[in-house]
């Protein structure tokens, strides 16, 4: 049975719990209050025993940390990957490294950069008996789609569906061969953090005891986005620690990472208590009414009880829609939310990105057969994009990781800082040019040993694409700008929101919603529920039939 609570309700601190909470319900406020309550009343917390709070993003972690104030001294707030890497992978991976032939001496963090050089791919083809597959770019795409998953009780790695290249299906066991080759080089992908953490916890039960002694309380936000491996890890830790989870099944938007929405509903621990938060503390009455029409299983109640204009659907160009939204909200910020990274970056530049190619940046390293040149230009473009968003630490790190030699980490960092300084100082010299002009700038100012682009399809690629078109492809993980993807806005709230939808079919989430089985609908539900005061949506065109279905739900304006 679920018990209704308010965002300031205090519950018993010594049992497992699950809290269901819709958008704007005050989850962060409640979890911070609960943590403070535990600190004040627990008899087992000491300087060596802390509360662990797991969030989905670094931004959410920083928000909770700041709201805790002085209480944060007894709390560690981490993302799931940061927690697992810091407290399980780094101290204990060496226990199983021989079994998986992992070179821990080369381990340097974790990322999702796929190993892509020609020699590596040739070796992989040889080992797996797939030399007949010539299309390296399609192999890399397949590698990007693989992830760890349960097959009965065993973990296997493969994509969601078989991938064929020119009639040949990539062998399922060859994905594991890629992993073994990467591990031998000390490369750890984000997904591997989950895989190895679960292996360590199952093979060495004392690790759970050590973690429990450090963290007798573990609280997890946005739990609906956990995948089955993460849930298995949580269940291992719950044997000895008090665990609480909070989330909303209708906001589960990470199916591509293995999250299964139904798992939040079925997740229960021994003597678990269930609660729900029913108020929406974030949005205007009109936005709450709009959300309640999309969702019939969880009707939210007003909290601010404040009125603003009804949500507006703009029909036309997305840049014109943004300009009109700014007119409607004088002196206020408008946050745009988009399905994909390319569109959100196009909105930053206030250009219509419908004709841009999101794969250009990935294609660069595949088309340029000169491994060093392609990779250096690739990393420079990524670093420039990060620096332009004031993420200087990340910009230096991405260059450093490529430039660092085995025994000269300081030299790599020093060189990365010099490269970034020159790239930013001279940005105006190449920002309006082609990729070839950027390559020439890098050769003349950063690395005079870089091979010049002179002929063939490589030169055609470098000449025919602008630097800006590749810059727009950069995916910034923690994007705090006014223009983000919906996934990067998860957990955030904004005064005014403009949701960009590429096709009128996307409007189905309003007039025929199915939040249970359609992740696209849940994604758009998350997007529109970020808005506090004013909500705008934009589509390029709108048929009369769909307009009729929408006219009583949302105001419609052509731009």
Protein backbone atom coordinates (compact mmCIF):
# COMPACT_ATOMS: atom_id res chain seq x y z
CA UNK A 1 0.00 0.00 0.00
CA UNK A 2 1.23 3.51 -0.87
CA UNK A 3 1.00 6.32 1.68
CA UNK A 4 0.70 9.91 0.49
CA UNK A 5 3.33 12.29 1.86
CA UNK A 6 4.13 15.96 1.29
CA UNK A 7 7.53 17.30 0.29
CA UNK A 8 8.19 18.27 3.92
CA UNK A 9 6.93 14.99 5.46
CA UNK A 10 9.49 13.16 7.60
CA UNK A 11 9.43 9.35 7.58
CA UNK A 12 11.08 6.68 9.73
CA UNK A 13 14.81 6.53 8.98
CA UNK A 14 15.47 2.84 9.59
CA UNK A 15 13.60 1.00 6.85
CA UNK A 16 13.94 0.56 3.10
CA UNK A 17 11.57 2.83 1.17
CA UNK A 18 10.33 3.69 -2.32
CA UNK A 19 8.85 7.10 -3.14
CA UNK A 20 6.85 7.65 -6.35
CA UNK A 21 6.86 11.32 -7.34
CA UNK A 22 5.66 13.07 -10.49
CA UNK A 23 7.45 15.98 -12.17
CA UNK A 24 7.90 19.05 -9.98
CA UNK A 25 6.81 17.15 -6.87
CA UNK A 26 9.77 18.39 -4.85
CA UNK A 27 11.83 15.19 -4.97
CA UNK A 28 15.10 17.02 -4.39
CA UNK A 29 13.59 19.07 -1.54
CA UNK A 30 12.23 15.89 0.05
CA UNK A 31 15.41 13.82 -0.30
CA UNK A 32 17.52 16.65 1.16
CA UNK A 33 15.08 16.93 4.09
CA UNK A 34 15.20 13.16 4.61
CA UNK A 35 19.01 13.15 4.60
CA UNK A 36 19.07 15.94 7.21
CA UNK A 37 16.54 13.99 9.29
CA UNK A 38 18.75 10.88 9.18
CA UNK A 39 21.82 12.90 10.18
CA UNK A 40 19.94 14.41 13.11
CA UNK A 41 18.38 11.19 14.42
CA UNK A 42 20.64 8.31 13.41
CA UNK A 43 22.77 6.70 16.11
CA UNK A 44 25.11 4.90 13.72
CA UNK A 45 26.57 7.76 11.66
CA UNK A 46 30.13 8.78 12.56
CA UNK A 47 32.96 10.61 10.83
CA UNK A 48 33.78 7.28 9.16
CA UNK A 49 30.17 6.31 8.37
CA UNK A 50 28.34 8.53 5.91
CA UNK A 51 25.14 8.68 3.88
CA UNK A 52 25.52 7.88 0.19
CA UNK A 53 23.20 9.74 -2.19
CA UNK A 54 23.29 8.57 -5.81
CA UNK A 55 21.99 10.85 -8.57
CA UNK A 56 21.83 10.51 -12.35
CA UNK A 57 23.89 13.57 -13.35
CA UNK A 58 26.74 15.65 -11.95
CA UNK A 59 24.48 18.71 -12.10
CA UNK A 60 21.91 17.00 -9.86
CA UNK A 61 24.70 15.96 -7.49
CA UNK A 62 25.92 19.55 -7.23
CA UNK A 63 22.36 20.77 -6.55
CA UNK A 64 21.86 18.33 -3.68
CA UNK A 65 25.32 19.07 -2.29
CA UNK A 66 24.65 22.81 -2.21
CA UNK A 67 21.21 22.40 -0.59
CA UNK A 68 22.64 20.21 2.15
CA UNK A 69 24.86 23.05 3.34
CA UNK A 70 26.95 22.05 6.36
CA UNK A 71 25.13 18.69 6.47
CA UNK A 72 27.07 17.70 3.34
CA UNK A 73 30.07 16.83 5.52
CA UNK A 74 28.33 13.57 6.41
CA UNK A 75 27.11 12.82 2.89
CA UNK A 76 28.74 11.68 -0.34
CA UNK A 77 26.68 12.71 -3.37
CA UNK A 78 27.81 10.90 -6.52
CA UNK A 79 26.53 9.63 -9.85
CA UNK A 80 26.18 5.86 -10.04
CA UNK A 81 29.27 5.53 -12.24
CA UNK A 82 31.37 7.81 -10.01
CA UNK A 83 30.38 5.81 -6.94
CA UNK A 84 31.11 2.43 -8.51
CA UNK A 85 34.40 3.55 -10.05
CA UNK A 86 35.66 5.21 -6.84
CA UNK A 87 34.54 2.63 -4.29
CA UNK A 88 34.57 -0.66 -6.22
CA UNK A 89 36.50 -0.50 -9.52
CA UNK A 90 39.62 1.41 -8.41
CA UNK A 91 40.25 -0.52 -5.19
CA UNK A 92 39.17 -4.00 -6.31
CA UNK A 93 39.42 -4.41 -10.11
CA UNK A 94 42.88 -5.93 -9.66
CA UNK A 95 41.19 -8.86 -7.83
CA UNK A 96 39.66 -10.07 -11.12
CA UNK A 97 41.94 -8.42 -13.70
CA UNK A 98 43.79 -11.66 -14.50
CA UNK A 99 40.50 -13.48 -15.15
CA UNK A 100 39.53 -10.86 -17.76
CA UNK A 101 43.06 -10.00 -18.93
CA UNK A 102 42.57 -6.35 -17.94
CA UNK A 103 45.74 -4.25 -17.78
CA UNK A 104 45.00 -2.21 -14.64
CA UNK A 105 48.36 -0.43 -14.95
CA UNK A 106 46.92 1.44 -17.95
CA UNK A 107 43.53 2.22 -16.37
CA UNK A 108 42.80 5.95 -16.53
CA UNK A 109 39.14 6.59 -15.82
CA UNK A 110 36.22 5.51 -18.00
CA UNK A 111 34.53 6.89 -21.10
CA UNK A 112 32.60 5.81 -24.18
CA UNK A 113 35.27 6.45 -26.82
CA UNK A 114 35.28 3.43 -29.13
CA UNK A 115 38.71 2.15 -30.21
CA UNK A 116 38.70 2.83 -33.92
CA UNK A 117 42.16 2.81 -35.48
CA UNK A 118 42.77 0.69 -38.57
CA UNK A 119 45.23 -1.73 -36.97
CA UNK A 120 42.89 -2.44 -34.05
CA UNK A 121 39.94 -3.17 -36.35
CA UNK A 122 42.04 -5.44 -38.58
CA UNK A 123 43.15 -7.43 -35.54
CA UNK A 124 39.53 -7.70 -34.36
CA UNK A 125 38.41 -8.99 -37.78
CA UNK A 126 41.22 -11.55 -37.75
CA UNK A 127 40.45 -12.79 -34.24
CA UNK A 128 36.71 -13.11 -34.95
CA UNK A 129 36.97 -14.52 -38.49
CA UNK A 130 35.18 -11.56 -40.08
CA UNK A 131 37.77 -10.20 -42.52
CA UNK A 132 35.09 -10.20 -45.22
CA UNK A 133 33.51 -7.13 -43.58
CA UNK A 134 35.20 -4.10 -45.15
CA UNK A 135 32.95 -1.27 -43.91
CA UNK A 136 34.82 -0.11 -40.79
CA UNK A 137 32.43 2.79 -40.18
CA UNK A 138 29.51 0.35 -39.83
CA UNK A 139 31.53 -1.86 -37.48
CA UNK A 140 32.15 1.16 -35.25
CA UNK A 141 28.44 1.98 -35.28
CA UNK A 142 27.74 -1.59 -34.14
CA UNK A 143 30.28 -1.23 -31.31
CA UNK A 144 28.55 1.97 -30.18
CA UNK A 145 25.24 0.10 -29.91
CA UNK A 146 26.45 -2.83 -27.80
CA UNK A 147 25.80 -2.96 -24.06
CA UNK A 148 25.89 -5.46 -21.22
CA UNK A 149 22.62 -7.27 -20.51
CA UNK A 150 21.37 -10.31 -18.64
CA UNK A 151 20.87 -13.57 -20.51
CA UNK A 152 19.19 -15.65 -17.82
CA UNK A 153 21.65 -15.11 -14.95
CA UNK A 154 24.70 -14.46 -17.11
CA UNK A 155 25.88 -11.12 -18.46
CA UNK A 156 26.53 -10.88 -22.19
CA UNK A 157 27.42 -7.93 -24.40
CA UNK A 158 25.66 -7.25 -27.70
CA UNK A 159 23.38 -4.66 -29.40
CA UNK A 160 19.59 -4.68 -28.98
CA UNK A 161 19.23 -6.45 -32.33
CA UNK A 162 21.54 -8.29 -34.79
CA UNK A 163 23.47 -5.93 -37.06
CA UNK A 164 24.09 -6.85 -40.70
CA UNK A 165 26.75 -5.31 -42.91
CA UNK A 166 26.38 -6.08 -46.62
CA UNK A 167 24.45 -9.24 -45.83
CA UNK A 168 26.83 -10.46 -43.11
CA UNK A 169 25.60 -10.50 -39.51
CA UNK A 170 28.23 -9.49 -36.97
CA UNK A 171 28.78 -12.50 -34.71
CA UNK A 172 27.39 -12.00 -31.21
CA UNK A 173 30.50 -13.36 -29.51
CA UNK A 174 32.70 -10.93 -31.45
CA UNK A 175 31.44 -8.03 -29.30
CA UNK A 176 33.00 -9.69 -26.27
CA UNK A 177 36.21 -10.04 -28.27
CA UNK A 178 36.20 -6.26 -28.74
CA UNK A 179 35.85 -5.88 -24.96
CA UNK A 180 38.77 -8.22 -24.28
CA UNK A 181 40.99 -6.35 -26.74
CA UNK A 182 40.03 -3.02 -25.15
CA UNK A 183 40.61 -4.31 -21.60
CA UNK A 184 44.06 -5.53 -22.61
CA UNK A 185 44.83 -1.88 -23.39
CA UNK A 186 43.40 -0.71 -20.05
CA UNK A 187 40.32 0.82 -21.70
CA UNK A 188 37.18 0.87 -19.55
CA UNK A 189 33.86 1.98 -21.05
CA UNK A 190 30.97 3.33 -18.94
CA UNK A 191 29.04 0.09 -19.39
CA UNK A 192 32.04 -1.92 -18.16
CA UNK A 193 31.92 -0.07 -14.83
CA UNK A 194 28.57 -1.77 -14.16
CA UNK A 195 29.75 -5.16 -15.44
CA UNK A 196 32.90 -5.30 -13.32
CA UNK A 197 31.22 -3.83 -10.23
CA UNK A 198 28.62 -6.60 -10.21
CA UNK A 199 31.29 -9.27 -10.80
CA UNK A 200 33.33 -7.96 -7.86
CA UNK A 201 30.32 -7.78 -5.51
CA UNK A 202 29.24 -11.34 -6.35
CA UNK A 203 32.72 -12.90 -6.24
CA UNK A 204 33.88 -11.03 -3.12
CA UNK A 205 30.99 -10.52 -0.64
CA UNK A 206 33.29 -8.73 1.80
CA UNK A 207 33.24 -5.73 -0.58
CA UNK A 208 29.54 -5.20 0.20
CA UNK A 209 30.38 -5.31 3.90
CA UNK A 210 33.07 -2.66 3.48
CA UNK A 211 30.71 -0.40 1.52
CA UNK A 212 27.98 -0.92 4.12
CA UNK A 213 30.38 0.03 6.89
CA UNK A 214 31.17 3.25 4.98
CA UNK A 215 27.57 3.92 3.93
CA UNK A 216 24.89 2.47 6.24
CA UNK A 217 22.32 4.56 4.32
CA UNK A 218 22.06 4.64 0.53
CA UNK A 219 19.49 6.86 -1.22
CA UNK A 220 19.01 6.82 -4.99
CA UNK A 221 17.27 9.53 -7.04
CA UNK A 222 15.75 9.02 -10.54
CA UNK A 223 15.63 5.28 -9.88
CA UNK A 224 13.27 4.68 -12.83
CA UNK A 225 16.28 5.14 -15.15
CA UNK A 226 18.25 2.27 -13.60
CA UNK A 227 18.93 -0.73 -15.80
CA UNK A 228 18.76 -4.37 -14.61
CA UNK A 229 22.50 -4.48 -13.81
CA UNK A 230 22.28 -1.35 -11.66
CA UNK A 231 19.26 -2.80 -9.87
CA UNK A 232 21.18 -6.03 -9.17
CA UNK A 233 24.02 -3.97 -7.70
CA UNK A 234 21.56 -2.05 -5.48
CA UNK A 235 20.05 -5.32 -4.23
CA UNK A 236 23.52 -6.59 -3.32
CA UNK A 237 24.19 -3.42 -1.32
CA UNK A 238 20.73 -3.49 0.30
CA UNK A 239 21.61 -6.69 2.16
CA UNK A 240 23.55 -4.65 4.72
CA UNK A 241 22.60 -0.98 4.18
CA UNK A 242 19.27 0.83 4.47
CA UNK A 243 18.24 1.71 0.92
CA UNK A 244 15.71 4.26 -0.29
CA UNK A 245 14.78 4.97 -3.91
CA UNK A 246 12.74 7.76 -5.47
CA UNK A 247 11.46 8.09 -9.02
CA UNK A 248 8.58 8.18 -11.49
CA UNK A 249 7.79 5.44 -13.99
CA UNK A 250 6.44 7.99 -16.52
CA UNK A 251 9.81 9.74 -16.60
CA UNK A 252 11.84 6.67 -17.58
CA UNK A 253 13.71 7.78 -20.73
CA UNK A 254 16.83 5.61 -20.90
CA UNK A 255 15.66 2.47 -22.69
CA UNK A 256 18.68 2.75 -24.99
CA UNK A 257 20.85 2.15 -21.89
CA UNK A 258 18.76 -0.82 -20.82
CA UNK A 259 16.35 0.89 -18.40
CA UNK A 260 13.01 -0.90 -18.10
CA UNK A 261 10.20 1.38 -16.79
CA UNK A 262 8.26 -1.46 -15.17
CA UNK A 263 11.19 -2.29 -12.91
CA UNK A 264 10.56 0.78 -10.76
CA UNK A 265 7.01 -0.38 -10.07
CA UNK A 266 8.06 -3.95 -9.22
CA UNK A 267 11.18 -3.02 -7.21
CA UNK A 268 10.73 -3.98 -3.57
CA UNK A 269 13.10 -4.84 -0.75
CA UNK A 270 12.37 -6.74 2.48
CA UNK A 271 10.09 -4.64 4.73
CA UNK A 272 10.06 -1.91 2.09
CA UNK A 273 7.59 0.97 2.68
CA UNK A 274 5.96 2.77 -0.27
CA UNK A 275 5.06 6.47 -0.45
CA UNK A 276 3.96 8.97 -3.10
CA UNK A 277 4.19 12.74 -3.60
CA UNK A 278 1.15 14.13 -5.40
CA UNK A 279 1.63 17.91 -5.58
CA UNK A 280 3.42 19.79 -8.36
CA UNK A 281 5.47 22.54 -6.70
CA UNK A 282 7.02 23.67 -9.99
CA UNK A 283 4.50 24.59 -12.62
CA UNK A 284 1.68 27.05 -13.24
CA UNK A 285 -1.91 25.82 -13.03
CA UNK A 286 -2.19 25.83 -16.85
CA UNK A 287 0.90 23.65 -17.27
CA UNK A 288 -0.29 21.23 -14.56
CA UNK A 289 -3.67 20.97 -16.34
CA UNK A 290 -1.80 20.24 -19.58
CA UNK A 291 0.31 17.53 -17.89
CA UNK A 292 -2.77 15.94 -16.33
CA UNK A 293 -4.36 15.60 -19.78
CA UNK A 294 -1.31 13.66 -20.95
CA UNK A 295 -1.27 11.39 -17.90
CA UNK A 296 -4.30 9.76 -16.32
CA UNK A 297 -2.67 7.45 -13.75
CA UNK A 298 -1.26 10.22 -11.56
CA UNK A 299 -3.25 13.45 -11.33
CA UNK A 300 -1.11 16.19 -9.83
CA UNK A 301 -2.43 18.96 -7.60
CA UNK A 302 -1.63 22.67 -7.66
CA UNK A 303 0.93 23.94 -5.18
CA UNK A 304 1.95 27.41 -6.36
CA UNK A 305 -1.66 27.98 -7.49
CA UNK A 306 -0.54 30.63 -9.97
CA UNK A 307 -1.86 31.32 -13.50
CA UNK A 308 0.02 32.09 -16.71
CA UNK A 309 -1.11 31.92 -20.37
CA UNK A 310 -2.13 28.53 -21.73
CA UNK A 311 0.70 26.53 -23.42
CA UNK A 312 1.24 27.57 -27.06
CA UNK A 313 2.00 25.42 -30.12
CA UNK A 314 4.00 27.36 -32.73
CA UNK A 315 3.73 26.05 -36.30
CA UNK A 316 6.68 26.99 -38.50
CA UNK A 317 10.44 27.54 -38.38
CA UNK A 318 12.03 26.72 -35.01
CA UNK A 319 14.24 29.85 -34.98
CA UNK A 320 11.20 32.06 -35.64
CA UNK A 321 9.39 30.20 -32.85
CA UNK A 322 12.23 31.02 -30.45
CA UNK A 323 12.08 34.70 -31.42
CA UNK A 324 8.31 34.76 -30.84
CA UNK A 325 8.71 33.03 -27.47
CA UNK A 326 11.21 35.73 -26.46
CA UNK A 327 8.65 38.39 -27.39
CA UNK A 328 6.09 36.63 -25.19
CA UNK A 329 8.57 36.53 -22.28
CA UNK A 330 10.32 39.93 -22.29
CA UNK A 331 13.49 40.02 -20.23
CA UNK A 332 13.27 36.32 -19.36
CA UNK A 333 15.30 33.30 -20.46
CA UNK A 334 13.81 30.71 -22.82
CA UNK A 335 15.27 27.20 -22.54
CA UNK A 336 14.92 25.15 -25.72
CA UNK A 337 14.72 21.37 -25.46
CA UNK A 338 15.31 19.05 -28.41
CA UNK A 339 15.27 15.32 -29.10
CA UNK A 340 18.81 15.19 -30.49
CA UNK A 341 22.15 16.86 -29.89
CA UNK A 342 22.45 18.36 -33.38
CA UNK A 343 19.16 20.26 -33.07
CA UNK A 344 20.04 21.61 -29.62
CA UNK A 345 23.41 22.83 -30.95
CA UNK A 346 21.69 24.40 -33.97
CA UNK A 347 19.40 26.29 -31.60
CA UNK A 348 22.48 27.64 -29.80
CA UNK A 349 23.56 29.14 -33.11
CA UNK A 350 19.92 30.08 -33.88
CA UNK A 351 19.99 28.29 -37.21
CA UNK A 352 17.58 25.71 -38.59
CA UNK A 353 19.48 22.43 -38.24
CA UNK A 354 17.14 20.23 -40.28
CA UNK A 355 19.67 19.79 -43.13
CA UNK A 356 22.74 19.13 -40.96
CA UNK A 357 24.40 15.69 -40.73
CA UNK A 358 24.80 14.50 -37.13
CA UNK A 359 27.39 11.87 -38.13
CA UNK A 360 29.93 14.29 -39.63
CA UNK A 361 32.22 14.33 -36.62
CA UNK A 362 32.27 10.54 -36.34
CA UNK A 363 32.81 10.26 -40.09
CA UNK A 364 35.94 12.41 -39.81
CA UNK A 365 38.01 9.68 -38.14
CA UNK A 366 36.63 7.00 -40.41
CA UNK A 367 37.32 8.86 -43.65
CA UNK A 368 40.74 10.20 -42.67
CA UNK A 369 43.08 7.21 -43.00
CA UNK A 370 45.86 9.17 -41.27
CA UNK A 371 45.19 8.04 -37.69
CA UNK A 372 47.06 10.86 -35.93
CA UNK A 373 45.64 13.66 -38.07
CA UNK A 374 42.03 12.48 -37.89
CA UNK A 375 42.18 11.95 -34.14
CA UNK A 376 43.96 15.22 -33.38
CA UNK A 377 41.43 17.26 -35.38
CA UNK A 378 38.58 15.27 -33.78
CA UNK A 379 39.86 15.99 -30.26
CA UNK A 380 40.55 19.66 -31.05
CA UNK A 381 36.95 20.16 -32.24
CA UNK A 382 35.58 18.49 -29.10
CA UNK A 383 37.85 20.59 -26.87
CA UNK A 384 36.82 23.82 -28.61
CA UNK A 385 33.11 23.01 -28.13
CA UNK A 386 33.63 22.26 -24.44
CA UNK A 387 35.65 25.42 -23.87
CA UNK A 388 32.99 27.52 -25.60
CA UNK A 389 30.58 26.27 -22.92
CA UNK A 390 33.12 27.28 -20.21
CA UNK A 391 33.95 23.62 -19.52
CA UNK A 392 37.70 24.25 -19.54
CA UNK A 393 38.65 21.34 -17.28
CA UNK A 394 36.84 18.87 -19.55
CA UNK A 395 38.34 20.52 -22.65
CA UNK A 396 41.87 20.11 -21.30
CA UNK A 397 41.14 16.54 -20.20
CA UNK A 398 39.94 15.45 -23.64
CA UNK A 399 43.10 16.80 -25.29
CA UNK A 400 45.34 15.49 -22.52
CA UNK A 401 43.96 11.97 -22.83
CA UNK A 402 44.97 11.92 -26.50
CA UNK A 403 48.29 13.75 -26.14
CA UNK A 404 49.67 12.08 -23.00
CA UNK A 405 52.48 9.59 -23.39
CA UNK A 406 52.73 6.59 -21.06
CA UNK A 407 55.48 8.00 -18.86
CA UNK A 408 54.86 11.73 -19.25
CA UNK A 409 51.40 12.64 -17.97
CA UNK A 410 52.52 16.14 -16.95
CA UNK A 411 53.91 16.76 -20.44
CA UNK A 412 50.59 15.75 -21.99
CA UNK A 413 48.63 18.10 -19.73
CA UNK A 414 51.03 20.98 -20.42
CA UNK A 415 50.71 20.42 -24.16
CA UNK A 416 46.90 20.18 -23.91
CA UNK A 417 46.77 23.54 -22.11
CA UNK A 418 48.99 25.15 -24.75
CA UNK A 419 46.90 23.72 -27.61
CA UNK A 420 43.62 24.90 -26.08
CA UNK A 421 44.97 28.38 -25.39
CA UNK A 422 46.07 28.80 -29.02
CA UNK A 423 42.80 27.39 -30.39
CA UNK A 424 40.67 29.77 -28.33
CA UNK A 425 42.85 32.84 -28.84
CA UNK A 426 42.69 32.38 -32.61
CA UNK A 427 39.09 31.14 -32.85
CA UNK A 428 38.03 33.96 -35.18
CA UNK A 429 40.67 32.92 -37.72
CA UNK A 430 39.11 29.54 -38.50
CA UNK A 431 35.53 29.66 -37.13
CA UNK A 432 34.01 30.63 -40.49
CA UNK A 433 36.20 28.38 -42.60
CA UNK A 434 36.26 24.81 -43.83
CA UNK A 435 37.57 21.79 -41.99
CA UNK A 436 40.62 22.00 -44.27
CA UNK A 437 41.35 25.49 -42.98
CA UNK A 438 41.17 24.22 -39.39
CA UNK A 439 43.52 21.36 -40.28
CA UNK A 440 46.01 23.80 -41.81
CA UNK A 441 45.77 26.03 -38.73
CA UNK A 442 46.50 23.06 -36.44
CA UNK A 443 49.49 22.02 -38.58
CA UNK A 444 50.92 25.55 -38.69
CA UNK A 445 50.31 26.48 -35.04
CA UNK A 446 50.11 23.30 -32.95
CA UNK A 447 51.82 20.35 -34.62
CA UNK A 448 54.15 21.02 -37.55
CA UNK A 449 54.62 17.25 -37.98
CA UNK A 450 50.96 16.83 -38.89
CA UNK A 451 50.56 15.42 -42.41
CA UNK A 452 49.03 17.92 -44.82
CA UNK A 453 45.71 17.05 -46.48
CA UNK A 454 46.54 17.01 -50.20
CA UNK A 455 44.28 14.79 -52.29
CA UNK A 456 41.62 12.10 -52.59
CA UNK A 457 38.33 11.66 -50.76
CA UNK A 458 39.96 12.90 -47.55
CA UNK A 459 40.63 16.29 -49.16
CA UNK A 460 37.11 16.35 -50.61
CA UNK A 461 35.68 15.76 -47.13
CA UNK A 462 37.88 18.43 -45.52
CA UNK A 463 37.07 20.98 -48.25
CA UNK A 464 33.33 20.35 -48.51
CA UNK A 465 32.44 20.63 -44.82
CA UNK A 466 32.66 23.73 -42.66
CA UNK A 467 34.29 23.73 -39.25
CA UNK A 468 30.96 24.90 -37.79
CA UNK A 469 29.08 21.90 -39.23
CA UNK A 470 31.36 19.55 -37.28
CA UNK A 471 31.37 21.74 -34.16
CA UNK A 472 27.57 21.41 -34.03
CA UNK A 473 27.96 17.61 -33.79
CA UNK A 474 29.83 17.69 -30.47
CA UNK A 475 27.88 16.06 -27.66
CA UNK A 476 28.49 17.84 -24.35
CA UNK A 477 27.58 15.44 -21.56
CA UNK A 478 26.68 17.96 -18.84
CA UNK A 479 25.20 20.80 -20.88
CA UNK A 480 24.04 23.72 -18.73
CA UNK A 481 23.28 26.09 -21.60
CA UNK A 482 19.92 27.57 -22.62
CA UNK A 483 19.67 24.96 -25.41
CA UNK A 484 19.83 21.30 -24.41
CA UNK A 485 18.63 17.87 -25.37
CA UNK A 486 15.72 16.58 -23.31
CA UNK A 487 17.95 13.96 -21.68
CA UNK A 488 20.34 16.66 -20.50
CA UNK A 489 17.46 18.62 -18.97
CA UNK A 490 16.44 15.67 -16.79
CA UNK A 491 15.88 16.78 -13.21
CA UNK A 492 16.12 20.48 -14.10
CA UNK A 493 13.43 23.17 -14.15
CA UNK A 494 13.23 26.36 -16.20
CA UNK A 495 11.07 29.47 -16.07
CA UNK A 496 10.05 29.15 -19.74
CA UNK A 497 10.47 26.18 -22.11
CA UNK A 498 10.32 25.82 -25.89
CA UNK A 499 10.16 22.17 -26.99
CA UNK A 500 11.34 21.54 -30.56
CA UNK A 501 9.56 18.65 -32.31
CA UNK A 502 10.76 17.78 -35.81
CA UNK A 503 7.52 16.31 -37.13
CA UNK A 504 3.82 16.66 -36.30
CA UNK A 505 3.71 12.91 -35.57
CA UNK A 506 5.54 13.76 -32.37
CA UNK A 507 2.45 15.61 -31.14
CA UNK A 508 0.69 12.29 -30.57
CA UNK A 509 1.90 12.39 -26.95
CA UNK A 510 -0.66 15.19 -26.42
CA UNK A 511 -3.79 13.92 -28.20
CA UNK A 512 -3.23 10.14 -27.90
CA UNK A 513 -0.73 9.63 -25.06
CA UNK A 514 0.74 6.23 -24.17
CA UNK A 515 3.33 6.77 -21.44
CA UNK A 516 3.44 3.07 -20.59
CA UNK A 517 4.75 1.59 -23.84
CA UNK A 518 6.08 4.55 -25.86
CA UNK A 519 9.35 6.04 -24.67
CA UNK A 520 9.00 8.92 -27.16
CA UNK A 521 5.85 10.00 -25.30
CA UNK A 522 7.63 9.78 -21.94
CA UNK A 523 10.51 11.84 -23.33
CA UNK A 524 8.22 14.66 -24.45
CA UNK A 525 6.32 14.44 -21.15
CA UNK A 526 9.62 15.00 -19.33
CA UNK A 527 10.36 17.96 -21.62
CA UNK A 528 7.08 19.83 -21.13
CA UNK A 529 7.12 19.20 -17.38
CA UNK A 530 10.38 21.19 -16.98
CA UNK A 531 8.45 24.46 -17.42
CA UNK A 532 7.54 26.64 -14.46
CA UNK A 533 5.59 29.55 -16.00
CA UNK A 534 5.27 29.38 -19.77
CA UNK A 535 5.40 26.43 -22.15
CA UNK A 536 5.85 26.58 -25.92
CA UNK A 537 6.09 23.75 -28.46
CA UNK A 538 7.17 24.06 -32.09
CA UNK A 539 6.51 21.85 -35.12
CA UNK A 540 7.30 22.77 -38.75
CA UNK A 541 3.86 21.87 -40.15
CA UNK A 542 0.41 20.88 -38.87
CA UNK A 543 -2.43 19.10 -40.68
CA UNK A 544 -6.01 20.28 -40.16
CA UNK A 545 -7.00 16.90 -38.72
CA UNK A 546 -4.37 17.03 -35.96
CA UNK A 547 -5.07 20.73 -35.35
CA UNK A 548 -8.69 19.82 -34.61
CA UNK A 549 -7.55 17.23 -32.04
CA UNK A 550 -5.32 19.78 -30.31
CA UNK A 551 -7.32 23.00 -30.38
CA UNK A 552 -9.04 22.47 -27.01
CA UNK A 553 -5.79 21.44 -25.29
CA UNK A 554 -3.24 23.99 -26.45
CA UNK A 555 -3.24 27.41 -28.16
CA UNK A 556 -2.01 27.28 -31.78
CA UNK A 557 -0.11 30.06 -33.57
CA UNK A 558 1.65 30.16 -36.95
CA UNK A 559 5.11 31.76 -37.09
